[in-house]
PDB file of N, CA and C in Angstrom:
ATOM      1  N   MET A   1       0.993  -0.966  -0.160  1.00  0.00           N
ATOM      2  CA  MET A   1       0.133  -0.177   0.216  1.00  0.00           C
ATOM      3  C   MET A   1       1.608   1.501   0.378  1.00  0.00           C
ATOM      4  N   LYS A   2       1.560   0.850   0.727  1.00  0.00           N
ATOM      5  CA  LYS A   2       2.467   2.363   0.750  1.00  0.00           C
ATOM      6  C   LYS A   2       3.633   2.819  -0.661  1.00  0.00           C
ATOM      7  N   TYR A   3       3.497   1.696  -1.016  1.00  0.00           N
ATOM      8  CA  TYR A   3       4.151   1.869  -2.230  1.00  0.00           C
ATOM      9  C   TYR A   3       3.326   3.145  -3.318  1.00  0.00           C
ATOM     10  N   LEU A   4       2.439   2.293  -3.463  1.00  0.00           N
ATOM     11  CA  LEU A   4       1.220   3.054  -4.123  1.00  0.00           C
ATOM     12  C   LEU A   4       0.874   4.101  -4.422  1.00  0.00           C
ATOM     13  N   ILE A   5       0.892   4.866  -2.754  1.00  0.00           N
ATOM     14  CA  ILE A   5       0.594   6.002  -2.161  1.00  0.00           C
ATOM     15  C   ILE A   5       2.436   6.897  -2.840  1.00  0.00           C
ATOM     16  N   LEU A   6       3.753   5.480  -2.708  1.00  0.00           N
ATOM     17  CA  LEU A   6       4.375   6.725  -3.238  1.00  0.00           C
ATOM     18  C   LEU A   6       4.252   6.729  -4.587  1.00  0.00           C
ATOM     19  N   ILE A   7       3.829   6.434  -5.664  1.00  0.00           N
ATOM     20  CA  ILE A   7       4.070   5.935  -6.642  1.00  0.00           C
ATOM     21  C   ILE A   7       3.227   7.396  -6.801  1.00  0.00           C
ATOM     22  N   GLY A   8       1.770   7.256  -6.000  1.00  0.00           N
ATOM     23  CA  GLY A   8       1.034   8.320  -6.393  1.00  0.00           C
ATOM     24  C   GLY A   8       1.653   9.780  -6.543  1.00  0.00           C
ATOM     25  N   VAL A   9       2.188  10.022  -5.013  1.00  0.00           N
ATOM     26  CA  VAL A   9       2.907  11.441  -4.866  1.00  0.00           C
ATOM     27  C   VAL A   9       3.983  11.630  -6.142  1.00  0.00           C
ATOM     28  N   VAL A  10       4.632  10.330  -6.754  1.00  0.00           N
ATOM     29  CA  VAL A  10       5.570  10.527  -7.900  1.00  0.00           C
ATOM     30  C   VAL A  10       4.992  11.334  -9.074  1.00  0.00           C
ATOM     31  N   PHE A  11       3.920  11.024  -9.492  1.00  0.00           N
ATOM     32  CA  PHE A  11       3.398  10.643 -10.541  1.00  0.00           C
ATOM     33  C   PHE A  11       2.406  12.464 -10.032  1.00  0.00           C
ATOM     34  N   GLY A  12       1.899  12.972  -9.128  1.00  0.00           N
ATOM     35  CA  GLY A  12       1.454  14.001  -8.808  1.00  0.00           C
ATOM     36  C   GLY A  12       2.215  15.152  -9.009  1.00  0.00           C
ATOM     37  N   VAL A  13       2.847  14.814  -8.433  1.00  0.00           N
ATOM     38  CA  VAL A  13       4.373  16.017  -8.677  1.00  0.00           C
ATOM     39  C   VAL A  13       4.978  16.539 -10.045  1.00  0.00           C
ATOM     40  N   ILE A  14       5.262  15.444 -10.473  1.00  0.00           N
ATOM     41  CA  ILE A  14       5.912  14.986 -11.876  1.00  0.00           C
ATOM     42  C   ILE A  14       4.010  16.063 -13.006  1.00  0.00           C
ATOM     43  N   TRP A  15       3.143  15.821 -13.032  1.00  0.00           N
ATOM     44  CA  TRP A  15       2.036  16.620 -13.739  1.00  0.00           C
ATOM     45  C   TRP A  15       1.944  17.970 -12.827  1.00  0.00           C
ATOM     46  N   TRP A  16       2.170  18.414 -11.449  1.00  0.00           N
ATOM     47  CA  TRP A  16       2.738  19.529 -11.054  1.00  0.00           C
ATOM     48  C   TRP A  16       3.000  20.722 -11.836  1.00  0.00           C
ATOM     49  N   ILE A  17       4.636  19.771 -12.518  1.00  0.00           N
ATOM     50  CA  ILE A  17       5.110  20.659 -12.549  1.00  0.00           C
ATOM     51  C   ILE A  17       5.020  20.757 -13.957  1.00  0.00           C
ATOM     52  N   LYS A  18       4.297  19.769 -14.583  1.00  0.00           N
ATOM     53  CA  LYS A  18       4.062  19.718 -15.975  1.00  0.00           C
ATOM     54  C   LYS A  18       2.934  20.985 -16.692  1.00  0.00           C
ATOM     55  N   LEU A  19       2.098  21.002 -15.608  1.00  0.00           N
ATOM     56  CA  LEU A  19       1.365  22.355 -15.890  1.00  0.00           C
ATOM     57  C   LEU A  19       1.857  23.672 -14.986  1.00  0.00           C
ATOM     58  N   SER A  20       3.233  23.737 -14.290  1.00  0.00           N
ATOM     59  CA  SER A  20       3.241  25.438 -13.892  1.00  0.00           C
ATOM     60  C   SER A  20       4.527  25.754 -14.577  1.00  0.00           C
ATOM     61  N   ARG A  21       4.898  25.084 -15.922  1.00  0.00           N
ATOM     62  CA  ARG A  21       5.700  25.004 -17.156  1.00  0.00           C
ATOM     63  C   ARG A  21       4.883  26.139 -17.902  1.00  0.00           C
ATOM     64  N   PRO A  22       5.331  26.977 -18.547  1.00  0.00           N
ATOM     65  CA  PRO A  22       4.899  28.188 -19.328  1.00  0.00           C
ATOM     66  C   PRO A  22       4.764  27.068 -21.241  1.00  0.00           C
ATOM     67  N   ALA A  23       3.821  27.266 -21.385  1.00  0.00           N
ATOM     68  CA  ALA A  23       3.395  26.779 -22.924  1.00  0.00           C
ATOM     69  C   ALA A  23       5.161  26.732 -24.075  1.00  0.00           C
ATOM     70  N   LYS A  24       4.835  26.378 -24.457  1.00  0.00           N
ATOM     71  CA  LYS A  24       6.016  26.110 -25.505  1.00  0.00           C
ATOM     72  C   LYS A  24       4.976  26.657 -26.986  1.00  0.00           C
ATOM     73  N   PRO A  25       5.632  27.840 -27.405  1.00  0.00           N
ATOM     74  CA  PRO A  25       5.015  28.454 -29.197  1.00  0.00           C
ATOM     75  C   PRO A  25       5.132  26.977 -30.051  1.00  0.00           C
ATOM     76  N   SER A  26       4.169  26.643 -31.051  1.00  0.00           N
ATOM     77  CA  SER A  26       4.494  26.274 -31.782  1.00  0.00           C
ATOM     78  C   SER A  26       4.748  26.371 -33.062  1.00  0.00           C
ATOM     79  N   GLY A  27       5.617  25.483 -33.699  1.00  0.00           N
ATOM     80  CA  GLY A  27       6.558  26.057 -34.808  1.00  0.00           C
ATOM     81  C   GLY A  27       7.834  26.389 -34.783  1.00  0.00           C
ATOM     82  N   SER A  28       8.477  26.531 -35.686  1.00  0.00           N
ATOM     83  CA  SER A  28      10.054  26.921 -35.455  1.00  0.00           C
ATOM     84  C   SER A  28       9.648  28.402 -34.551  1.00  0.00           C
ATOM     85  N   ALA A  29      10.755  28.730 -34.253  1.00  0.00           N
ATOM     86  CA  ALA A  29      11.004  30.331 -33.353  1.00  0.00           C
ATOM     87  C   ALA A  29      11.106  31.368 -34.221  1.00  0.00           C
ATOM     88  N   GLY A  30      11.774  30.896 -35.323  1.00  0.00           N
ATOM     89  CA  GLY A  30      11.790  32.246 -36.081  1.00  0.00           C
ATOM     90  C   GLY A  30      11.095  32.278 -37.530  1.00  0.00           C
ATOM     91  N   GLY A  31      10.646  31.267 -37.229  1.00  0.00           N
ATOM     92  CA  GLY A  31       8.871  31.072 -38.922  1.00  0.00           C
ATOM     93  C   GLY A  31       8.021  31.510 -37.909  1.00  0.00           C
ATOM     94  N   THR A  32       7.353  32.666 -38.986  1.00  0.00           N
ATOM     95  CA  THR A  32       6.445  33.406 -38.743  1.00  0.00           C
ATOM     96  C   THR A  32       5.275  32.635 -39.835  1.00  0.00           C
ATOM     97  N   ASP A  33       5.769  31.945 -40.692  1.00  0.00           N
ATOM     98  CA  ASP A  33       4.764  31.199 -42.090  1.00  0.00           C
ATOM     99  C   ASP A  33       4.603  29.964 -41.200  1.00  0.00           C
ATOM    100  N   ASN A  34       2.955  30.769 -41.629  1.00  0.00           N
ATOM    101  CA  ASN A  34       2.554  29.010 -41.399  1.00  0.00           C
ATOM    102  C   ASN A  34       2.020  28.048 -41.855  1.00  0.00           C
ATOM    103  N   GLY A  35       2.086  28.028 -43.170  1.00  0.00           N
ATOM    104  CA  GLY A  35       1.610  27.433 -43.884  1.00  0.00           C
ATOM    105  C   GLY A  35       2.328  26.862 -45.644  1.00  0.00           C
ATOM    106  N   PRO A  36       1.693  26.731 -46.683  1.00  0.00           N
ATOM    107  CA  PRO A  36       2.016  26.589 -48.073  1.00  0.00           C
ATOM    108  C   PRO A  36       2.479  27.864 -47.786  1.00  0.00           C
ATOM    109  N   GLN A  37       3.452  28.017 -48.759  1.00  0.00           N
ATOM    110  CA  GLN A  37       4.274  28.805 -49.622  1.00  0.00           C
ATOM    111  C   GLN A  37       4.158  28.469 -51.046  1.00  0.00           C
ATOM    112  N   PRO A  38       3.378  29.913 -51.872  1.00  0.00           N
ATOM    113  CA  PRO A  38       3.566  29.813 -53.339  1.00  0.00           C
ATOM    114  C   PRO A  38       4.724  29.568 -54.350  1.00  0.00           C
ATOM    115  N   MET A  39       5.008  28.481 -54.831  1.00  0.00           N
ATOM    116  CA  MET A  39       6.965  28.339 -55.423  1.00  0.00           C
ATOM    117  C   MET A  39       6.784  29.052 -57.006  1.00  0.00           C
ATOM    118  N   VAL A  40       7.839  29.177 -57.074  1.00  0.00           N
ATOM    119  CA  VAL A  40       8.402  30.369 -58.438  1.00  0.00           C
ATOM    120  C   VAL A  40       9.257  29.075 -58.943  1.00  0.00           C
ATOM    121  N   ARG A  41       9.962  28.940 -60.104  1.00  0.00           N
ATOM    122  CA  ARG A  41      10.966  28.776 -60.540  1.00  0.00           C
ATOM    123  C   ARG A  41      11.584  29.586 -61.410  1.00  0.00           C
ATOM    124  N   CYS A  42      13.026  29.574 -60.577  1.00  0.00           N
ATOM    125  CA  CYS A  42      14.090  30.569 -61.213  1.00  0.00           C
ATOM    126  C   CYS A  42      14.281  30.322 -63.106  1.00  0.00           C
ATOM    127  N   ALA A  43      14.499  31.606 -63.735  1.00  0.00           N
ATOM    128  CA  ALA A  43      14.468  31.338 -64.863  1.00  0.00           C
ATOM    129  C   ALA A  43      16.011  31.462 -65.206  1.00  0.00           C
ATOM    130  N   HIS A  44      16.844  30.822 -64.633  1.00  0.00           N
ATOM    131  CA  HIS A  44      17.921  30.656 -65.278  1.00  0.00           C
ATOM    132  C   HIS A  44      18.367  28.992 -65.355  1.00  0.00           C
ATOM    133  N   CYS A  45      17.982  28.365 -63.862  1.00  0.00           N
ATOM    134  CA  CYS A  45      18.997  27.161 -63.636  1.00  0.00           C
ATOM    135  C   CYS A  45      16.926  25.767 -63.392  1.00  0.00           C
ATOM    136  N   GLY A  46      15.889  26.773 -63.212  1.00  0.00           N
ATOM    137  CA  GLY A  46      15.132  25.959 -63.147  1.00  0.00           C
ATOM    138  C   GLY A  46      14.559  25.333 -61.911  1.00  0.00           C
ATOM    139  N   LEU A  47      15.590  26.079 -60.757  1.00  0.00           N
ATOM    140  CA  LEU A  47      15.499  25.759 -59.243  1.00  0.00           C
ATOM    141  C   LEU A  47      13.978  25.654 -58.967  1.00  0.00           C
ATOM    142  N   HIS A  48      13.180  25.128 -58.416  1.00  0.00           N
ATOM    143  CA  HIS A  48      11.665  25.626 -57.522  1.00  0.00           C
ATOM    144  C   HIS A  48      11.855  26.236 -56.306  1.00  0.00           C
ATOM    145  N   LEU A  49      11.132  27.247 -55.588  1.00  0.00           N
ATOM    146  CA  LEU A  49      11.625  28.058 -54.305  1.00  0.00           C
ATOM    147  C   LEU A  49      10.260  28.557 -54.255  1.00  0.00           C
ATOM    148  N   PRO A  50      10.281  28.798 -52.353  1.00  0.00           N
ATOM    149  CA  PRO A  50       9.063  29.965 -52.187  1.00  0.00           C
ATOM    150  C   PRO A  50       8.855  31.038 -52.555  1.00  0.00           C
ATOM    151  N   GLN A  51       8.370  31.484 -53.229  1.00  0.00           N
ATOM    152  CA  GLN A  51       8.226  33.183 -53.521  1.00  0.00           C
ATOM    153  C   GLN A  51       8.545  34.004 -52.579  1.00  0.00           C
ATOM    154  N   ASN A  52       8.629  34.353 -51.651  1.00  0.00           N
ATOM    155  CA  ASN A  52       9.626  34.974 -50.416  1.00  0.00           C
ATOM    156  C   ASN A  52      10.967  35.151 -50.445  1.00  0.00           C
ATOM    157  N   GLU A  53      11.763  33.666 -50.938  1.00  0.00           N
ATOM    158  CA  GLU A  53      13.015  33.828 -51.313  1.00  0.00           C
ATOM    159  C   GLU A  53      13.563  34.001 -52.477  1.00  0.00           C
ATOM    160  N   ALA A  54      12.181  34.329 -53.624  1.00  0.00           N
ATOM    161  CA  ALA A  54      13.079  34.885 -54.755  1.00  0.00           C
ATOM    162  C   ALA A  54      13.458  35.863 -55.024  1.00  0.00           C
ATOM    163  N   ILE A  55      14.449  35.836 -55.831  1.00  0.00           N
ATOM    164  CA  ILE A  55      14.653  37.197 -55.814  1.00  0.00           C
ATOM    165  C   ILE A  55      13.459  38.331 -57.480  1.00  0.00           C
ATOM    166  N   ALA A  56      13.076  39.326 -57.199  1.00  0.00           N
ATOM    167  CA  ALA A  56      12.204  39.165 -58.857  1.00  0.00           C
ATOM    168  C   ALA A  56      13.141  40.376 -59.714  1.00  0.00           C
ATOM    169  N   SER A  57      13.326  40.134 -60.448  1.00  0.00           N
ATOM    170  CA  SER A  57      13.311  40.880 -61.832  1.00  0.00           C
ATOM    171  C   SER A  57      12.431  42.166 -62.521  1.00  0.00           C
ATOM    172  N   ASN A  58      13.115  42.811 -63.174  1.00  0.00           N
ATOM    173  CA  ASN A  58      12.326  43.415 -64.323  1.00  0.00           C
ATOM    174  C   ASN A  58      11.581  41.867 -64.910  1.00  0.00           C
ATOM    175  N   SER A  59      11.726  41.158 -65.817  1.00  0.00           N
ATOM    176  CA  SER A  59      11.265  40.461 -66.575  1.00  0.00           C
ATOM    177  C   SER A  59      11.245  39.075 -65.986  1.00  0.00           C
ATOM    178  N   ALA A  60      11.168  38.356 -65.056  1.00  0.00           N
ATOM    179  CA  ALA A  60      11.324  36.875 -64.311  1.00  0.00           C
ATOM    180  C   ALA A  60      11.712  37.076 -62.805  1.00  0.00           C
ATOM    181  N   VAL A  61      12.111  35.866 -62.474  1.00  0.00           N
ATOM    182  CA  VAL A  61      12.292  35.584 -60.687  1.00  0.00           C
ATOM    183  C   VAL A  61      13.915  34.596 -61.000  1.00  0.00           C
ATOM    184  N   TYR A  62      14.297  35.050 -59.877  1.00  0.00           N
ATOM    185  CA  TYR A  62      16.419  34.349 -59.572  1.00  0.00           C
ATOM    186  C   TYR A  62      16.164  33.510 -58.867  1.00  0.00           C
ATOM    187  N   CYS A  63      16.896  32.256 -57.916  1.00  0.00           N
ATOM    188  CA  CYS A  63      16.835  31.743 -57.276  1.00  0.00           C
ATOM    189  C   CYS A  63      18.385  32.596 -56.654  1.00  0.00           C
ATOM    190  N   SER A  64      19.103  33.088 -57.450  1.00  0.00           N
ATOM    191  CA  SER A  64      20.137  34.030 -56.285  1.00  0.00           C
ATOM    192  C   SER A  64      20.816  34.975 -57.009  1.00  0.00           C
ATOM    193  N   ASP A  65      21.471  36.179 -56.471  1.00  0.00           N
ATOM    194  CA  ASP A  65      21.978  37.963 -57.221  1.00  0.00           C
ATOM    195  C   ASP A  65      22.659  37.184 -58.728  1.00  0.00           C
ATOM    196  N   ALA A  66      23.432  35.692 -58.509  1.00  0.00           N
ATOM    197  CA  ALA A  66      24.511  35.998 -59.108  1.00  0.00           C
ATOM    198  C   ALA A  66      23.415  34.834 -60.556  1.00  0.00           C
ATOM    199  N   HIS A  67      22.635  34.366 -59.968  1.00  0.00           N
ATOM    200  CA  HIS A  67      21.862  33.988 -61.879  1.00  0.00           C
ATOM    201  C   HIS A  67      21.093  35.264 -62.158  1.00  0.00           C
ATOM    202  N   ARG A  68      20.649  36.103 -61.252  1.00  0.00           N
ATOM    203  CA  ARG A  68      20.296  36.959 -62.038  1.00  0.00           C
ATOM    204  C   ARG A  68      20.905  38.304 -62.738  1.00  0.00           C
ATOM    205  N   ASP A  69      22.220  37.734 -62.477  1.00  0.00           N
ATOM    206  CA  ASP A  69      22.826  38.792 -63.000  1.00  0.00           C
ATOM    207  C   ASP A  69      23.490  37.374 -64.081  1.00  0.00           C
ATOM    208  N   LEU A  70      23.617  36.517 -64.603  1.00  0.00           N
ATOM    209  CA  LEU A  70      24.194  35.667 -65.372  1.00  0.00           C
ATOM    210  C   LEU A  70      22.928  36.108 -66.622  1.00  0.00           C
ATOM    211  N   ALA A  71      21.721  35.944 -66.193  1.00  0.00           N
ATOM    212  CA  ALA A  71      20.669  36.110 -66.906  1.00  0.00           C
ATOM    213  C   ALA A  71      20.585  37.205 -67.353  1.00  0.00           C
ATOM    214  N   GLU A  72      20.663  38.485 -66.455  1.00  0.00           N
ATOM    215  CA  GLU A  72      20.424  40.055 -67.517  1.00  0.00           C
ATOM    216  C   GLU A  72      21.782  40.534 -66.998  1.00  0.00           C
ATOM    217  N   PRO A  73      23.008  40.791 -67.859  1.00  0.00           N
ATOM    218  CA  PRO A  73      23.864  41.464 -67.558  1.00  0.00           C
ATOM    219  C   PRO A  73      23.485  42.789 -67.618  1.00  0.00           C
ATOM    220  N   ARG A  74      24.228  43.596 -66.761  1.00  0.00           N
ATOM    221  CA  ARG A  74      23.544  45.246 -65.621  1.00  0.00           C
ATOM    222  C   ARG A  74      24.594  45.853 -66.780  1.00  0.00           C
ATOM    223  N   ALA A  75      24.007  46.701 -67.516  1.00  0.00           N
ATOM    224  CA  ALA A  75      24.720  47.901 -68.654  1.00  0.00           C
ATOM    225  C   ALA A  75      25.655  48.800 -68.152  1.00  0.00           C
TER     226      ALA A  75
END
């Protein structure tokens, strides 16, 4: 009987500790985007990447500044 009470006290303490902790925010720490992102294709290499990470140009989108410069040389 005393072991049953001891087990109950241990579980009670563990349960109380879990309830007293603040809740963790869901998702990643730096992630503000909580859903699927529209994908775009790099005009130079064809890589698909999220639209918010793409580099937009006058005529197309690119995956990096280097690909934008290769496809559209600046005067």
